[in-house]
């Protein structure tokens, strides 16, 4: 399956640009793409992965930042390959 399109994710504005991009990417993958394969899975693992990869400063609020972030929209198309 291939997705071509855009996913918009709103994250807390106090994050650095690199942490915001990392969090948005992981949320998009965990909440949208990964759930097509296993609807019960990936959020707990993704939160942990984000906390491991984000800056030291962002680790303090990683779980809170995850919970405050939300997917704003998805547009595009899916192609089964």
Protein backbone atom coordinates (compact mmCIF):
# COMPACT_ATOMS: atom_id res chain seq x y z
CA UNK A 1 0.00 0.00 0.00
CA UNK A 2 1.28 3.43 -0.86
CA UNK A 3 0.06 6.78 0.45
CA UNK A 4 0.62 9.99 -1.45
CA UNK A 5 -0.61 13.12 0.23
CA UNK A 6 -0.35 15.37 3.26
CA UNK A 7 -0.90 14.82 6.96
CA UNK A 8 -1.23 17.90 9.18
CA UNK A 9 -0.37 17.52 12.86
CA UNK A 10 -0.64 20.26 15.49
CA UNK A 11 2.01 20.02 18.22
CA UNK A 12 2.76 22.26 21.22
CA UNK A 13 4.41 25.49 20.04
CA UNK A 14 6.99 25.48 22.82
CA UNK A 15 8.90 22.62 21.14
CA UNK A 16 12.00 23.29 19.08
CA UNK A 17 11.59 22.90 15.32
CA UNK A 18 13.44 19.58 15.30
CA UNK A 19 11.39 18.15 18.20
CA UNK A 20 8.15 19.41 16.62
CA UNK A 21 8.97 17.73 13.31
CA UNK A 22 9.96 14.50 15.06
CA UNK A 23 6.78 14.46 17.16
CA UNK A 24 4.54 15.24 14.17
CA UNK A 25 6.16 12.51 12.10
CA UNK A 26 5.81 9.89 14.83
CA UNK A 27 2.19 10.85 15.53
CA UNK A 28 1.30 10.64 11.84
CA UNK A 29 2.87 7.21 11.56
CA UNK A 30 1.41 5.88 14.81
CA UNK A 31 -2.12 7.25 14.56
CA UNK A 32 -2.75 6.99 10.85
CA UNK A 33 -0.45 4.77 8.86
CA UNK A 34 0.49 2.14 11.43
CA UNK A 35 -3.08 1.66 12.61
CA UNK A 36 -4.11 0.41 9.18
CA UNK A 37 -1.94 -2.63 9.88
CA UNK A 38 -2.66 -3.11 13.59
CA UNK A 39 -5.38 -0.87 15.05
CA UNK A 40 -4.56 -1.72 18.66
CA UNK A 41 -0.82 -1.18 18.52
CA UNK A 42 1.55 1.52 18.03
CA UNK A 43 0.91 4.56 20.22
CA UNK A 44 2.64 3.32 23.39
CA UNK A 45 5.72 2.26 21.46
CA UNK A 46 5.73 5.48 19.44
CA UNK A 47 5.56 7.67 22.56
CA UNK A 48 8.52 5.79 23.99
CA UNK A 49 10.44 6.08 20.70
CA UNK A 50 9.75 9.82 20.59
CA UNK A 51 10.99 10.24 24.17
CA UNK A 52 14.18 8.36 23.25
CA UNK A 53 14.86 10.44 20.13
CA UNK A 54 13.78 13.97 21.09
CA UNK A 55 16.02 16.55 22.73
CA UNK A 56 16.90 16.23 26.39
CA UNK A 57 14.69 19.24 27.18
CA UNK A 58 11.63 17.73 25.42
CA UNK A 59 12.00 14.38 27.21
CA UNK A 60 10.66 15.95 30.38
CA UNK A 61 7.25 16.52 28.78
CA UNK A 62 7.27 13.93 25.97
CA UNK A 63 4.12 12.10 27.05
CA UNK A 64 2.26 15.34 27.77
CA UNK A 65 3.31 16.77 24.39
CA UNK A 66 2.09 13.62 22.67
CA UNK A 67 -1.29 13.86 24.39
CA UNK A 68 -1.67 17.56 23.49
CA UNK A 69 -0.88 16.99 19.81
CA UNK A 70 -3.56 16.12 17.31
CA UNK A 71 -3.91 15.22 13.68
CA UNK A 72 -5.54 18.17 11.93
CA UNK A 73 -6.22 16.53 8.61
CA UNK A 74 -5.22 13.91 6.07
CA UNK A 75 -5.52 14.38 2.35
CA UNK A 76 -4.20 12.25 -0.44
CA UNK A 77 -4.73 8.85 -1.95
CA UNK A 78 -4.01 5.23 -1.12
CA UNK A 79 -2.79 2.82 -3.77
CA UNK A 80 -2.63 -0.93 -3.19
CA UNK A 81 0.56 -2.28 -4.69
